[in-house]
Amino acid sequence: MILYIHGFRSTENSAKAVQLKAYYKEQIYIAGFSHVPDQAIQALEQIIERQDIRGIIASSLGGFYATYLSEKYDIKTVLINPSTRPYETLERYLGENETHDGILFDWKRVYLEQLKQFAITTPRAKNYEVFLKAGDEILDHHVAEQYYQGAQIFIDEGGTHRFEDFGLHLEKVDQFFGLSPIKLY
């Protein structure tokens, strides 16, 4: 089973989550979790330990969490515009925030400190396939490209942080995970 981990102001109902669920059907577990980093990691660890998770797909902040989990559990991981230093980049979001589906939450400075404990200095490149959009308006794709150096990295010109056309890359994802391509007819 594949685990999907969403990003900072996203939820398990995001467009990407819905797209992945439609594609992978019962082969994917779409995680819902707290915006509090310690609680999020704890919930995600429980999912990995209770489900038969063989791969992770994650986006943005979820990519940061996935990197920690991939290193801890030695799981192949596909990252979509991953955050590598959210304890720095999410500082600008301190205070009240809203998810894409209208849920309000308070992002606190203590959460930035919590994130630091999950930082990985050097990820094992063999475990990662990384998809980046050069036009990402939230995160500089060069940072992730350098951080995951040696991994399979695909950089699309243009685009946005949401990576709206990620579905075009699912055959590559299947190959990375060693899955037979899923037929959509």
C-alpha atoms as a PDB file:
ATOM      1  CA  MET A   1       0.000   0.000   0.000  1.00  0.00           C
ATOM      2  CA  ILE A   2       1.082   3.577  -0.713  1.00  0.00           C
ATOM      3  CA  LEU A   3       0.736   6.353   1.859  1.00  0.00           C
ATOM      4  CA  TYR A   4      -0.070   9.891   0.662  1.00  0.00           C
ATOM      5  CA  ILE A   5       0.978  12.801   2.911  1.00  0.00           C
ATOM      6  CA  HIS A   6      -0.438  16.217   2.045  1.00  0.00           C
ATOM      7  CA  GLY A   7       1.129  19.641   2.518  1.00  0.00           C
ATOM      8  CA  PHE A   8       0.830  22.530   4.995  1.00  0.00           C
ATOM      9  CA  ARG A   9      -2.546  24.106   4.190  1.00  0.00           C
ATOM     10  CA  SER A  10      -3.904  21.041   2.482  1.00  0.00           C
ATOM     11  CA  THR A  11      -5.989  18.106   3.715  1.00  0.00           C
ATOM     12  CA  GLU A  12      -6.807  14.559   2.730  1.00  0.00           C
ATOM     13  CA  ASN A  13      -9.513  16.083   0.500  1.00  0.00           C
ATOM     14  CA  SER A  14      -7.114  18.065  -1.704  1.00  0.00           C
ATOM     15  CA  ALA A  15      -7.183  17.838  -5.482  1.00  0.00           C
ATOM     16  CA  LYS A  16      -3.959  15.811  -5.502  1.00  0.00           C
ATOM     17  CA  ALA A  17      -5.284  13.400  -2.858  1.00  0.00           C
ATOM     18  CA  VAL A  18      -8.516  12.911  -4.802  1.00  0.00           C
ATOM     19  CA  GLN A  19      -6.547  12.360  -8.020  1.00  0.00           C
ATOM     20  CA  LEU A  20      -4.262   9.800  -6.364  1.00  0.00           C
ATOM     21  CA  LYS A  21      -7.216   7.993  -4.766  1.00  0.00           C
ATOM     22  CA  ALA A  22      -8.959   7.784  -8.143  1.00  0.00           C
ATOM     23  CA  TYR A  23      -5.811   6.377  -9.734  1.00  0.00           C
ATOM     24  CA  TYR A  24      -4.584   3.979  -7.013  1.00  0.00           C
ATOM     25  CA  LYS A  25      -8.014   3.118  -5.556  1.00  0.00           C
ATOM     26  CA  GLU A  26      -7.569   0.651  -2.643  1.00  0.00           C
ATOM     27  CA  GLN A  27      -3.772   0.644  -3.115  1.00  0.00           C
ATOM     28  CA  ILE A  28      -3.398   4.048  -1.408  1.00  0.00           C
ATOM     29  CA  TYR A  29      -3.973   5.323   2.120  1.00  0.00           C
ATOM     30  CA  ILE A  30      -4.724   9.055   2.174  1.00  0.00           C
ATOM     31  CA  ALA A  31      -3.558  10.322   5.565  1.00  0.00           C
ATOM     32  CA  GLY A  32      -5.391  12.887   7.631  1.00  0.00           C
ATOM     33  CA  PHE A  33      -3.347  14.316  10.488  1.00  0.00           C
ATOM     34  CA  SER A  34      -2.894  17.248  12.842  1.00  0.00           C
ATOM     35  CA  HIS A  35      -1.197  20.497  11.842  1.00  0.00           C
ATOM     36  CA  VAL A  36       0.922  20.099  15.022  1.00  0.00           C
ATOM     37  CA  PRO A  37       4.199  18.496  13.808  1.00  0.00           C
ATOM     38  CA  ASP A  38       4.758  16.179  16.797  1.00  0.00           C
ATOM     39  CA  GLN A  39       1.195  14.875  16.505  1.00  0.00           C
ATOM     40  CA  ALA A  40       1.436  14.589  12.718  1.00  0.00           C
ATOM     41  CA  ILE A  41       4.577  12.449  12.857  1.00  0.00           C
ATOM     42  CA  GLN A  42       3.096  10.276  15.588  1.00  0.00           C
ATOM     43  CA  ALA A  43      -0.065   9.661  13.520  1.00  0.00           C
ATOM     44  CA  LEU A  44       1.943   8.945  10.354  1.00  0.00           C
ATOM     45  CA  GLU A  45       4.221   6.506  12.202  1.00  0.00           C
ATOM     46  CA  GLN A  46       1.153   4.656  13.478  1.00  0.00           C
ATOM     47  CA  ILE A  47      -0.223   4.408   9.945  1.00  0.00           C
ATOM     48  CA  ILE A  48       3.085   2.995   8.667  1.00  0.00           C
ATOM     49  CA  GLU A  49       3.289   0.529  11.540  1.00  0.00           C
ATOM     50  CA  ARG A  50      -0.360  -0.620  11.240  1.00  0.00           C
ATOM     51  CA  GLN A  51      -0.790  -0.651   7.463  1.00  0.00           C
ATOM     52  CA  ASP A  52       1.294  -2.475   4.875  1.00  0.00           C
ATOM     53  CA  ILE A  53       2.968   0.723   3.610  1.00  0.00           C
ATOM     54  CA  ARG A  54       5.449  -0.027   0.796  1.00  0.00           C
ATOM     55  CA  GLY A  55       5.815   3.488  -0.590  1.00  0.00           C
ATOM     56  CA  ILE A  56       5.075   7.108   0.218  1.00  0.00           C
ATOM     57  CA  ILE A  57       3.934   9.960  -2.022  1.00  0.00           C
ATOM     58  CA  ALA A  58       4.106  13.376  -0.388  1.00  0.00           C
ATOM     59  CA  SER A  59       3.802  17.033  -1.256  1.00  0.00           C
ATOM     60  CA  SER A  60       5.353  20.192   0.234  1.00  0.00           C
ATOM     61  CA  LEU A  61       5.452  19.949   4.070  1.00  0.00           C
ATOM     62  CA  GLY A  62       4.315  16.366   3.639  1.00  0.00           C
ATOM     63  CA  GLY A  63       7.579  15.841   1.743  1.00  0.00           C
ATOM     64  CA  PHE A  64       9.538  16.930   4.804  1.00  0.00           C
ATOM     65  CA  TYR A  65       7.586  14.507   6.980  1.00  0.00           C
ATOM     66  CA  ALA A  66       7.975  11.784   4.346  1.00  0.00           C
ATOM     67  CA  THR A  67      11.746  12.236   4.252  1.00  0.00           C
ATOM     68  CA  TYR A  68      11.944  11.675   8.003  1.00  0.00           C
ATOM     69  CA  LEU A  69       9.685   8.619   7.730  1.00  0.00           C
ATOM     70  CA  SER A  70      11.500   7.253   4.681  1.00  0.00           C
ATOM     71  CA  GLU A  71      14.797   7.380   6.542  1.00  0.00           C
ATOM     72  CA  LYS A  72      13.327   5.849   9.712  1.00  0.00           C
ATOM     73  CA  TYR A  73      11.496   3.004   7.957  1.00  0.00           C
ATOM     74  CA  ASP A  74      13.609   2.695   4.759  1.00  0.00           C
ATOM     75  CA  ILE A  75      10.615   3.250   2.462  1.00  0.00           C
ATOM     76  CA  LYS A  76      10.746   4.340  -1.183  1.00  0.00           C
ATOM     77  CA  THR A  77       9.321   7.841  -1.408  1.00  0.00           C
ATOM     78  CA  VAL A  78       8.036  10.085  -4.195  1.00  0.00           C
ATOM     79  CA  LEU A  79       8.194  13.792  -3.395  1.00  0.00           C
ATOM     80  CA  ILE A  80       6.283  16.613  -5.095  1.00  0.00           C
ATOM     81  CA  ASN A  81       7.766  20.083  -4.565  1.00  0.00           C
ATOM     82  CA  PRO A  82       9.006  19.015  -1.122  1.00  0.00           C
ATOM     83  CA  SER A  83       9.848  21.370   1.691  1.00  0.00           C
ATOM     84  CA  THR A  84      13.360  20.758   3.011  1.00  0.00           C
ATOM     85  CA  ARG A  85      13.494  23.454   5.720  1.00  0.00           C
ATOM     86  CA  PRO A  86       9.912  24.141   6.821  1.00  0.00           C
ATOM     87  CA  TYR A  87      11.156  25.414  10.182  1.00  0.00           C
ATOM     88  CA  GLU A  88      12.416  28.398   8.141  1.00  0.00           C
ATOM     89  CA  THR A  89       9.982  28.677   5.224  1.00  0.00           C
ATOM     90  CA  LEU A  90       6.822  28.338   7.330  1.00  0.00           C
ATOM     91  CA  GLU A  91       7.770  31.163   9.691  1.00  0.00           C
ATOM     92  CA  ARG A  92       5.896  33.600   7.454  1.00  0.00           C
ATOM     93  CA  TYR A  93       2.669  31.705   8.215  1.00  0.00           C
ATOM     94  CA  LEU A  94       2.747  32.251  11.997  1.00  0.00           C
ATOM     95  CA  GLY A  95      -0.755  32.992  13.236  1.00  0.00           C
ATOM     96  CA  GLU A  96      -4.130  31.993  11.845  1.00  0.00           C
ATOM     97  CA  ASN A  97      -4.239  29.984   8.626  1.00  0.00           C
ATOM     98  CA  GLU A  98      -6.921  28.270   6.598  1.00  0.00           C
ATOM     99  CA  THR A  99      -6.775  24.976   4.727  1.00  0.00           C
ATOM    100  CA  HIS A 100      -7.944  24.760   1.130  1.00  0.00           C
ATOM    101  CA  ASP A 101     -11.305  23.459   2.364  1.00  0.00           C
ATOM    102  CA  GLY A 102     -11.917  26.171   4.964  1.00  0.00           C
ATOM    103  CA  ILE A 103     -10.585  24.704   8.213  1.00  0.00           C
ATOM    104  CA  LEU A 104      -8.947  27.366  10.414  1.00  0.00           C
ATOM    105  CA  PHE A 105      -5.827  26.558  12.428  1.00  0.00           C
ATOM    106  CA  ASP A 106      -3.235  28.486  14.394  1.00  0.00           C
ATOM    107  CA  TRP A 107       0.405  28.022  13.352  1.00  0.00           C
ATOM    108  CA  LYS A 108       2.689  28.666  16.350  1.00  0.00           C
ATOM    109  CA  ARG A 109       6.401  29.332  16.757  1.00  0.00           C
ATOM    110  CA  VAL A 110       6.718  26.199  18.904  1.00  0.00           C
ATOM    111  CA  TYR A 111       5.726  24.166  15.825  1.00  0.00           C
ATOM    112  CA  LEU A 112       8.757  25.497  13.957  1.00  0.00           C
ATOM    113  CA  GLU A 113      10.911  24.180  16.802  1.00  0.00           C
ATOM    114  CA  GLN A 114       9.124  20.826  16.683  1.00  0.00           C
ATOM    115  CA  LEU A 115       9.903  20.533  12.975  1.00  0.00           C
ATOM    116  CA  LYS A 116      13.656  20.819  13.599  1.00  0.00           C
ATOM    117  CA  GLN A 117      13.749  17.470  15.416  1.00  0.00           C
ATOM    118  CA  PHE A 118      12.594  15.713  12.231  1.00  0.00           C
ATOM    119  CA  ALA A 119      15.253  17.233   9.958  1.00  0.00           C
ATOM    120  CA  ILE A 120      17.430  14.758   8.076  1.00  0.00           C
ATOM    121  CA  THR A 121      20.940  15.942   7.249  1.00  0.00           C
ATOM    122  CA  THR A 122      21.600  13.722   4.244  1.00  0.00           C
ATOM    123  CA  PRO A 123      18.792  11.622   2.794  1.00  0.00           C
ATOM    124  CA  ARG A 124      19.619   8.280   1.144  1.00  0.00           C
ATOM    125  CA  ALA A 125      19.235   9.214  -2.528  1.00  0.00           C
ATOM    126  CA  LYS A 126      18.235   5.695  -3.613  1.00  0.00           C
ATOM    127  CA  ASN A 127      14.949   6.000  -1.701  1.00  0.00           C
ATOM    128  CA  TYR A 128      13.685   9.083  -3.524  1.00  0.00           C
ATOM    129  CA  GLU A 129      12.060  10.154  -6.743  1.00  0.00           C
ATOM    130  CA  VAL A 130      11.557  13.928  -6.710  1.00  0.00           C
ATOM    131  CA  PHE A 131       9.246  16.001  -8.920  1.00  0.00           C
ATOM    132  CA  LEU A 132       9.870  19.745  -8.983  1.00  0.00           C
ATOM    133  CA  LYS A 133       8.276  22.673 -10.765  1.00  0.00           C
ATOM    134  CA  ALA A 134      10.740  25.410 -11.680  1.00  0.00           C
ATOM    135  CA  GLY A 135       7.850  27.884 -11.412  1.00  0.00           C
ATOM    136  CA  ASP A 136       7.077  26.968  -7.783  1.00  0.00           C
ATOM    137  CA  GLU A 137       6.115  30.285  -6.198  1.00  0.00           C
ATOM    138  CA  ILE A 138       6.392  28.974  -2.598  1.00  0.00           C
ATOM    139  CA  LEU A 139       9.637  26.956  -2.507  1.00  0.00           C
ATOM    140  CA  ASP A 140      12.834  27.419  -4.508  1.00  0.00           C
ATOM    141  CA  HIS A 141      13.196  24.180  -6.482  1.00  0.00           C
ATOM    142  CA  HIS A 142      17.001  24.528  -6.480  1.00  0.00           C
ATOM    143  CA  VAL A 143      17.045  23.897  -2.718  1.00  0.00           C
ATOM    144  CA  ALA A 144      15.293  20.536  -3.064  1.00  0.00           C
ATOM    145  CA  GLU A 145      17.357  19.665  -6.132  1.00  0.00           C
ATOM    146  CA  GLN A 146      20.554  20.129  -4.105  1.00  0.00           C
ATOM    147  CA  TYR A 147      19.217  18.451  -0.961  1.00  0.00           C
ATOM    148  CA  TYR A 148      18.117  15.288  -2.802  1.00  0.00           C
ATOM    149  CA  GLN A 149      21.221  15.214  -4.998  1.00  0.00           C
ATOM    150  CA  GLY A 150      21.737  11.729  -6.429  1.00  0.00           C
ATOM    151  CA  ALA A 151      18.029  10.847  -6.314  1.00  0.00           C
ATOM    152  CA  GLN A 152      15.871  10.533  -9.418  1.00  0.00           C
ATOM    153  CA  ILE A 153      14.867  14.151  -9.998  1.00  0.00           C
ATOM    154  CA  PHE A 154      12.469  15.485 -12.620  1.00  0.00           C
ATOM    155  CA  ILE A 155      12.199  19.242 -13.109  1.00  0.00           C
ATOM    156  CA  ASP A 156       9.328  20.694 -15.112  1.00  0.00           C
ATOM    157  CA  GLU A 157       9.661  24.251 -16.346  1.00  0.00           C
ATOM    158  CA  GLY A 158       6.950  26.663 -15.304  1.00  0.00           C
ATOM    159  CA  GLY A 159       4.063  25.446 -13.209  1.00  0.00           C
ATOM    160  CA  THR A 160       3.166  26.226  -9.620  1.00  0.00           C
ATOM    161  CA  HIS A 161       3.673  24.812  -6.142  1.00  0.00           C
ATOM    162  CA  ARG A 162       0.455  22.804  -6.529  1.00  0.00           C
ATOM    163  CA  PHE A 163       1.953  20.795  -9.446  1.00  0.00           C
ATOM    164  CA  GLU A 164      -1.494  20.553 -11.058  1.00  0.00           C
ATOM    165  CA  ASP A 165      -0.394  18.153 -13.796  1.00  0.00           C
ATOM    166  CA  PHE A 166       1.256  15.603 -11.506  1.00  0.00           C
ATOM    167  CA  GLY A 167      -1.062  12.943 -12.926  1.00  0.00           C
ATOM    168  CA  LEU A 168       1.030  12.965 -16.097  1.00  0.00           C
ATOM    169  CA  HIS A 169       3.914  11.467 -14.074  1.00  0.00           C
ATOM    170  CA  LEU A 170       2.116   8.546 -12.448  1.00  0.00           C
ATOM    171  CA  GLU A 171       3.628   6.001 -14.819  1.00  0.00           C
ATOM    172  CA  LYS A 172       7.111   7.091 -13.609  1.00  0.00           C
ATOM    173  CA  VAL A 173       5.867   6.764 -10.027  1.00  0.00           C
ATOM    174  CA  ASP A 174       4.598   3.247 -10.741  1.00  0.00           C
ATOM    175  CA  GLN A 175       7.968   2.295 -12.226  1.00  0.00           C
ATOM    176  CA  PHE A 176       9.821   3.696  -9.207  1.00  0.00           C
ATOM    177  CA  PHE A 177       7.640   1.691  -6.836  1.00  0.00           C
ATOM    178  CA  GLY A 178       7.902  -1.384  -9.053  1.00  0.00           C
ATOM    179  CA  LEU A 179       4.158  -1.424  -9.749  1.00  0.00           C
ATOM    180  CA  SER A 180       2.530  -2.478 -12.980  1.00  0.00           C
ATOM    181  CA  PRO A 181       0.994   0.583 -14.625  1.00  0.00           C
ATOM    182  CA  ILE A 182      -2.648   0.926 -13.699  1.00  0.00           C
ATOM    183  CA  LYS A 183      -5.026   0.792 -16.641  1.00  0.00           C
ATOM    184  CA  LEU A 184      -7.650   3.521 -16.568  1.00  0.00           C
ATOM    185  CA  TYR A 185     -10.137   1.909 -18.960  1.00  0.00           C
END
